Amino acid sequence: MFNNLNTYLFAKRARNYMAQTPREHHFVNYKKAKTILILFESDYSEKNPNIHKIINQMQLDGKKVSAWGFIDKKEIATAIYPDFRILHHKQTDFFHKPLESYINELQYSEYDLLINLTVKPIIPLEYLALYANAAFKAGMKKSDLPIYDFVLDMEHMTVETEPTELSESTVDETYLYNQIIFYLKSIQTTD
């Protein structure tokens, strides 16, 4: 019941925020992106090897990467760094909205590209995606809210392919990252 209430409240707040706060967004391909914000769901051990591989690859490509995760725990063991942090329940309010200090930090930082690597809706990370100051936002379709500029609709992709070829169990943050980066590298613009 609380999940439905939190989802409803997020959708209502998101619509209000987007109506009151126009956002200047434009397409940013991977090559032109200098600063990237990654949102991810932390694994329970807080090690996140797949996320660290993704960050390392982007850094090798010359990108400045910040990664913000969320874990469904009351306490975490991971230290908070400026460019890598994992939020938990004590850093959100009763309705799973991150505390104002975290939202302010994202609003005052500028990113060329935001990539949400979650494969299911995680309300605290959806708030971060909503409030983040990014020129271009990419992620997987989880609702009809127009938070993202580039959306992968994995539900329709899995229906159209063979069940053995791509199942929901194979759609993880690495697969999602590879798909988003493939498209961001492939799309050519004349700006």
C-alpha atoms as a PDB file:
ATOM      1  CA  MET A   1       0.000   0.000   0.000  1.00  0.00           C
ATOM      2  CA  PHE A   2       2.777   2.460   0.887  1.00  0.00           C
ATOM      3  CA  ASN A   3       4.563   1.714  -2.386  1.00  0.00           C
ATOM      4  CA  ASN A   4       1.445   2.681  -4.330  1.00  0.00           C
ATOM      5  CA  LEU A   5       1.067   5.846  -2.255  1.00  0.00           C
ATOM      6  CA  ASN A   6       4.727   6.758  -2.756  1.00  0.00           C
ATOM      7  CA  THR A   7       4.455   6.121  -6.506  1.00  0.00           C
ATOM      8  CA  TYR A   8       1.299   8.227  -6.737  1.00  0.00           C
ATOM      9  CA  LEU A   9       2.843  11.037  -4.695  1.00  0.00           C
ATOM     10  CA  PHE A  10       6.020  10.986  -6.788  1.00  0.00           C
ATOM     11  CA  ALA A  11       4.016  11.196 -10.026  1.00  0.00           C
ATOM     12  CA  LYS A  12       2.014  14.129  -8.682  1.00  0.00           C
ATOM     13  CA  ARG A  13       5.119  15.961  -7.447  1.00  0.00           C
ATOM     14  CA  ALA A  14       6.938  15.245 -10.722  1.00  0.00           C
ATOM     15  CA  ARG A  15       4.112  16.666 -12.845  1.00  0.00           C
ATOM     16  CA  ASN A  16       3.956  19.792 -10.667  1.00  0.00           C
ATOM     17  CA  TYR A  17       7.733  20.259 -10.741  1.00  0.00           C
ATOM     18  CA  MET A  18       7.962  19.811 -14.520  1.00  0.00           C
ATOM     19  CA  ALA A  19       5.067  22.223 -15.070  1.00  0.00           C
ATOM     20  CA  GLN A  20       6.610  24.911 -12.838  1.00  0.00           C
ATOM     21  CA  THR A  21      10.265  24.393 -13.745  1.00  0.00           C
ATOM     22  CA  PRO A  22      10.953  24.451 -17.468  1.00  0.00           C
ATOM     23  CA  ARG A  23      14.131  22.603 -18.306  1.00  0.00           C
ATOM     24  CA  GLU A  24      16.568  23.494 -21.045  1.00  0.00           C
ATOM     25  CA  HIS A  25      17.487  20.162 -22.528  1.00  0.00           C
ATOM     26  CA  HIS A  26      19.273  19.235 -25.707  1.00  0.00           C
ATOM     27  CA  PHE A  27      20.691  16.084 -27.210  1.00  0.00           C
ATOM     28  CA  VAL A  28      24.185  15.226 -26.008  1.00  0.00           C
ATOM     29  CA  ASN A  29      25.890  12.293 -27.665  1.00  0.00           C
ATOM     30  CA  TYR A  30      28.429  10.238 -25.773  1.00  0.00           C
ATOM     31  CA  LYS A  31      31.418  11.793 -27.514  1.00  0.00           C
ATOM     32  CA  LYS A  32      30.458  15.354 -26.507  1.00  0.00           C
ATOM     33  CA  ALA A  33      29.461  14.533 -22.923  1.00  0.00           C
ATOM     34  CA  LYS A  34      32.138  15.691 -20.492  1.00  0.00           C
ATOM     35  CA  THR A  35      30.275  15.222 -17.189  1.00  0.00           C
ATOM     36  CA  ILE A  36      28.026  12.230 -16.564  1.00  0.00           C
ATOM     37  CA  LEU A  37      25.757  11.353 -13.652  1.00  0.00           C
ATOM     38  CA  ILE A  38      24.921   7.673 -13.199  1.00  0.00           C
ATOM     39  CA  LEU A  39      21.993   6.538 -11.051  1.00  0.00           C
ATOM     40  CA  PHE A  40      21.956   2.887  -9.947  1.00  0.00           C
ATOM     41  CA  GLU A  41      20.480   0.401  -7.522  1.00  0.00           C
ATOM     42  CA  SER A  42      23.183  -0.790  -5.172  1.00  0.00           C
ATOM     43  CA  ASP A  43      23.626  -4.485  -4.538  1.00  0.00           C
ATOM     44  CA  TYR A  44      23.116  -5.592  -0.950  1.00  0.00           C
ATOM     45  CA  SER A  45      26.846  -6.000  -0.259  1.00  0.00           C
ATOM     46  CA  GLU A  46      27.427  -2.432  -1.558  1.00  0.00           C
ATOM     47  CA  LYS A  47      30.346  -3.645  -3.719  1.00  0.00           C
ATOM     48  CA  ASN A  48      28.678  -2.851  -7.090  1.00  0.00           C
ATOM     49  CA  PRO A  49      31.350  -4.346  -9.377  1.00  0.00           C
ATOM     50  CA  ASN A  50      29.326  -3.729 -12.556  1.00  0.00           C
ATOM     51  CA  ILE A  51      28.874  -0.052 -11.714  1.00  0.00           C
ATOM     52  CA  HIS A  52      32.584   0.351 -10.955  1.00  0.00           C
ATOM     53  CA  LYS A  53      33.441  -1.226 -14.339  1.00  0.00           C
ATOM     54  CA  ILE A  54      31.091   1.209 -16.073  1.00  0.00           C
ATOM     55  CA  ILE A  55      32.599   4.169 -14.213  1.00  0.00           C
ATOM     56  CA  ASN A  56      36.139   3.035 -15.045  1.00  0.00           C
ATOM     57  CA  GLN A  57      35.268   2.652 -18.736  1.00  0.00           C
ATOM     58  CA  MET A  58      33.779   6.152 -18.855  1.00  0.00           C
ATOM     59  CA  GLN A  59      36.793   7.607 -17.055  1.00  0.00           C
ATOM     60  CA  LEU A  60      39.084   5.918 -19.571  1.00  0.00           C
ATOM     61  CA  ASP A  61      37.024   7.692 -22.244  1.00  0.00           C
ATOM     62  CA  GLY A  62      37.880  11.009 -20.553  1.00  0.00           C
ATOM     63  CA  LYS A  63      34.553  11.584 -18.786  1.00  0.00           C
ATOM     64  CA  LYS A  64      34.082  13.045 -15.315  1.00  0.00           C
ATOM     65  CA  VAL A  65      31.633  10.623 -13.683  1.00  0.00           C
ATOM     66  CA  SER A  66      29.490  10.960 -10.585  1.00  0.00           C
ATOM     67  CA  ALA A  67      27.505   7.928  -9.433  1.00  0.00           C
ATOM     68  CA  TRP A  68      24.585   7.986  -7.012  1.00  0.00           C
ATOM     69  CA  GLY A  69      22.997   4.763  -5.868  1.00  0.00           C
ATOM     70  CA  PHE A  70      20.257   3.675  -3.527  1.00  0.00           C
ATOM     71  CA  ILE A  71      20.044   0.599  -1.334  1.00  0.00           C
ATOM     72  CA  ASP A  72      16.982  -0.678   0.471  1.00  0.00           C
ATOM     73  CA  LYS A  73      18.628  -0.724   3.911  1.00  0.00           C
ATOM     74  CA  LYS A  74      18.547   1.458   7.015  1.00  0.00           C
ATOM     75  CA  GLU A  75      22.325   1.723   7.332  1.00  0.00           C
ATOM     76  CA  ILE A  76      25.211   1.437   4.887  1.00  0.00           C
ATOM     77  CA  ALA A  77      28.879   0.611   5.297  1.00  0.00           C
ATOM     78  CA  THR A  78      30.121   2.418   2.172  1.00  0.00           C
ATOM     79  CA  ALA A  79      31.794   5.770   2.706  1.00  0.00           C
ATOM     80  CA  ILE A  80      30.283   8.769   0.954  1.00  0.00           C
ATOM     81  CA  TYR A  81      32.600  10.364  -1.598  1.00  0.00           C
ATOM     82  CA  PRO A  82      31.903  13.456  -3.717  1.00  0.00           C
ATOM     83  CA  ASP A  83      31.652  11.388  -6.902  1.00  0.00           C
ATOM     84  CA  PHE A  84      30.289   8.101  -5.518  1.00  0.00           C
ATOM     85  CA  ARG A  85      27.594   7.732  -2.925  1.00  0.00           C
ATOM     86  CA  ILE A  86      24.922   5.304  -1.914  1.00  0.00           C
ATOM     87  CA  LEU A  87      21.800   6.677  -0.277  1.00  0.00           C
ATOM     88  CA  HIS A  88      19.645   4.642   2.089  1.00  0.00           C
ATOM     89  CA  HIS A  89      16.353   5.038   3.964  1.00  0.00           C
ATOM     90  CA  LYS A  90      17.694   7.441   6.600  1.00  0.00           C
ATOM     91  CA  GLN A  91      18.564   9.860   3.801  1.00  0.00           C
ATOM     92  CA  THR A  92      14.981   9.965   2.521  1.00  0.00           C
ATOM     93  CA  ASP A  93      11.750  11.164   4.054  1.00  0.00           C
ATOM     94  CA  PHE A  94       8.697   9.035   4.848  1.00  0.00           C
ATOM     95  CA  PHE A  95       7.618   9.158   1.188  1.00  0.00           C
ATOM     96  CA  HIS A  96      11.102   8.132  -0.078  1.00  0.00           C
ATOM     97  CA  LYS A  97      12.025  11.577  -1.356  1.00  0.00           C
ATOM     98  CA  PRO A  98      15.746  12.228  -0.756  1.00  0.00           C
ATOM     99  CA  LEU A  99      16.526  14.883   1.834  1.00  0.00           C
ATOM    100  CA  GLU A 100      16.626  18.448   0.577  1.00  0.00           C
ATOM    101  CA  SER A 101      20.428  18.712   0.904  1.00  0.00           C
ATOM    102  CA  TYR A 102      20.921  15.922  -1.675  1.00  0.00           C
ATOM    103  CA  ILE A 103      18.393  17.407  -4.066  1.00  0.00           C
ATOM    104  CA  ASN A 104      20.021  20.836  -3.752  1.00  0.00           C
ATOM    105  CA  GLU A 105      23.428  19.334  -4.452  1.00  0.00           C
ATOM    106  CA  LEU A 106      22.157  17.803  -7.700  1.00  0.00           C
ATOM    107  CA  GLN A 107      20.340  20.959  -8.739  1.00  0.00           C
ATOM    108  CA  TYR A 108      23.448  23.109  -8.278  1.00  0.00           C
ATOM    109  CA  SER A 109      25.773  20.694 -10.082  1.00  0.00           C
ATOM    110  CA  GLU A 110      25.676  20.629 -13.869  1.00  0.00           C
ATOM    111  CA  TYR A 111      25.917  17.454 -15.922  1.00  0.00           C
ATOM    112  CA  ASP A 112      25.938  16.959 -19.664  1.00  0.00           C
ATOM    113  CA  LEU A 113      24.365  13.524 -19.399  1.00  0.00           C
ATOM    114  CA  LEU A 114      22.353  11.575 -16.821  1.00  0.00           C
ATOM    115  CA  ILE A 115      22.060   7.813 -17.225  1.00  0.00           C
ATOM    116  CA  ASN A 116      19.648   5.955 -14.965  1.00  0.00           C
ATOM    117  CA  LEU A 117      20.718   2.303 -14.897  1.00  0.00           C
ATOM    118  CA  THR A 118      17.852   0.989 -12.770  1.00  0.00           C
ATOM    119  CA  VAL A 119      15.635  -1.662 -14.312  1.00  0.00           C
ATOM    120  CA  LYS A 120      12.710  -1.156 -11.939  1.00  0.00           C
ATOM    121  CA  PRO A 121      11.227   2.000 -10.431  1.00  0.00           C
ATOM    122  CA  ILE A 122      13.123   3.092  -7.331  1.00  0.00           C
ATOM    123  CA  ILE A 123      11.388   6.200  -6.025  1.00  0.00           C
ATOM    124  CA  PRO A 124      14.424   7.909  -4.409  1.00  0.00           C
ATOM    125  CA  LEU A 125      16.393   7.556  -7.654  1.00  0.00           C
ATOM    126  CA  GLU A 126      13.425   8.746  -9.718  1.00  0.00           C
ATOM    127  CA  TYR A 127      13.411  11.900  -7.572  1.00  0.00           C
ATOM    128  CA  LEU A 128      17.125  12.343  -8.214  1.00  0.00           C
ATOM    129  CA  ALA A 129      16.569  11.928 -11.963  1.00  0.00           C
ATOM    130  CA  LEU A 130      13.762  14.479 -11.835  1.00  0.00           C
ATOM    131  CA  TYR A 131      15.726  17.133  -9.939  1.00  0.00           C
ATOM    132  CA  ALA A 132      19.192  16.567 -11.452  1.00  0.00           C
ATOM    133  CA  ASN A 133      20.535  19.446 -13.523  1.00  0.00           C
ATOM    134  CA  ALA A 134      21.449  17.494 -16.658  1.00  0.00           C
ATOM    135  CA  ALA A 135      21.217  18.667 -20.264  1.00  0.00           C
ATOM    136  CA  PHE A 136      20.213  15.189 -21.459  1.00  0.00           C
ATOM    137  CA  LYS A 137      18.650  12.367 -19.435  1.00  0.00           C
ATOM    138  CA  ALA A 138      18.520   8.711 -20.498  1.00  0.00           C
ATOM    139  CA  GLY A 139      16.965   5.686 -18.853  1.00  0.00           C
ATOM    140  CA  MET A 140      14.575   2.788 -19.124  1.00  0.00           C
ATOM    141  CA  LYS A 141      10.833   3.345 -19.378  1.00  0.00           C
ATOM    142  CA  LYS A 142       9.220   2.812 -16.003  1.00  0.00           C
ATOM    143  CA  SER A 143       6.297   5.230 -16.252  1.00  0.00           C
ATOM    144  CA  ASP A 144       4.673   7.677 -18.630  1.00  0.00           C
ATOM    145  CA  LEU A 145       6.269  10.697 -16.958  1.00  0.00           C
ATOM    146  CA  PRO A 146       8.495  12.638 -19.389  1.00  0.00           C
ATOM    147  CA  ILE A 147      11.525  12.801 -17.097  1.00  0.00           C
ATOM    148  CA  TYR A 148      13.942  11.322 -19.631  1.00  0.00           C
ATOM    149  CA  ASP A 149      14.870  12.653 -23.057  1.00  0.00           C
ATOM    150  CA  PHE A 150      15.929   9.218 -24.289  1.00  0.00           C
ATOM    151  CA  VAL A 151      13.930   6.208 -23.112  1.00  0.00           C
ATOM    152  CA  LEU A 152      14.539   2.531 -23.772  1.00  0.00           C
ATOM    153  CA  ASP A 153      11.259   0.612 -23.741  1.00  0.00           C
ATOM    154  CA  MET A 154      12.588  -2.793 -22.738  1.00  0.00           C
ATOM    155  CA  GLU A 155       9.105  -4.228 -22.231  1.00  0.00           C
ATOM    156  CA  HIS A 156       8.388  -4.064 -25.945  1.00  0.00           C
ATOM    157  CA  MET A 157      11.884  -5.230 -26.834  1.00  0.00           C
ATOM    158  CA  THR A 158      11.511  -8.383 -24.733  1.00  0.00           C
ATOM    159  CA  VAL A 159       8.098  -9.176 -26.215  1.00  0.00           C
ATOM    160  CA  GLU A 160       9.394  -9.002 -29.781  1.00  0.00           C
ATOM    161  CA  THR A 161      12.468 -11.185 -29.265  1.00  0.00           C
ATOM    162  CA  GLU A 162      12.822 -14.886 -28.607  1.00  0.00           C
ATOM    163  CA  PRO A 163      12.395 -15.767 -24.908  1.00  0.00           C
ATOM    164  CA  THR A 164      15.769 -17.529 -24.835  1.00  0.00           C
ATOM    165  CA  GLU A 165      17.499 -14.582 -26.478  1.00  0.00           C
ATOM    166  CA  LEU A 166      16.553 -11.863 -24.024  1.00  0.00           C
ATOM    167  CA  SER A 167      14.684 -12.463 -20.821  1.00  0.00           C
ATOM    168  CA  GLU A 168      14.074 -10.142 -17.927  1.00  0.00           C
ATOM    169  CA  SER A 169      16.810 -11.848 -15.947  1.00  0.00           C
ATOM    170  CA  THR A 170      19.400 -10.691 -18.500  1.00  0.00           C
ATOM    171  CA  VAL A 171      18.271  -7.066 -18.379  1.00  0.00           C
ATOM    172  CA  ASP A 172      20.599  -5.643 -15.756  1.00  0.00           C
ATOM    173  CA  GLU A 173      22.521  -2.390 -15.380  1.00  0.00           C
ATOM    174  CA  THR A 174      25.317  -3.579 -17.684  1.00  0.00           C
ATOM    175  CA  TYR A 175      22.913  -4.527 -20.468  1.00  0.00           C
ATOM    176  CA  LEU A 176      21.015  -1.268 -20.040  1.00  0.00           C
ATOM    177  CA  TYR A 177      24.258   0.728 -20.067  1.00  0.00           C
ATOM    178  CA  ASN A 178      25.456  -1.023 -23.246  1.00  0.00           C
ATOM    179  CA  GLN A 179      22.149  -0.306 -25.004  1.00  0.00           C
ATOM    180  CA  ILE A 180      22.051   3.374 -24.012  1.00  0.00           C
ATOM    181  CA  ILE A 181      25.707   3.962 -24.920  1.00  0.00           C
ATOM    182  CA  PHE A 182      25.259   2.160 -28.250  1.00  0.00           C
ATOM    183  CA  TYR A 183      22.481   4.571 -29.214  1.00  0.00           C
ATOM    184  CA  LEU A 184      24.242   7.646 -27.839  1.00  0.00           C
ATOM    185  CA  LYS A 185      27.315   6.775 -29.895  1.00  0.00           C
ATOM    186  CA  SER A 186      25.279   5.933 -33.010  1.00  0.00           C
ATOM    187  CA  ILE A 187      23.071   9.012 -33.246  1.00  0.00           C
ATOM    188  CA  GLN A 188      24.705  11.713 -35.337  1.00  0.00           C
ATOM    189  CA  THR A 189      23.729  15.372 -35.007  1.00  0.00           C
ATOM    190  CA  THR A 190      24.645  18.480 -36.961  1.00  0.00           C
ATOM    191  CA  ASP A 191      24.885  20.961 -34.103  1.00  0.00           C
END
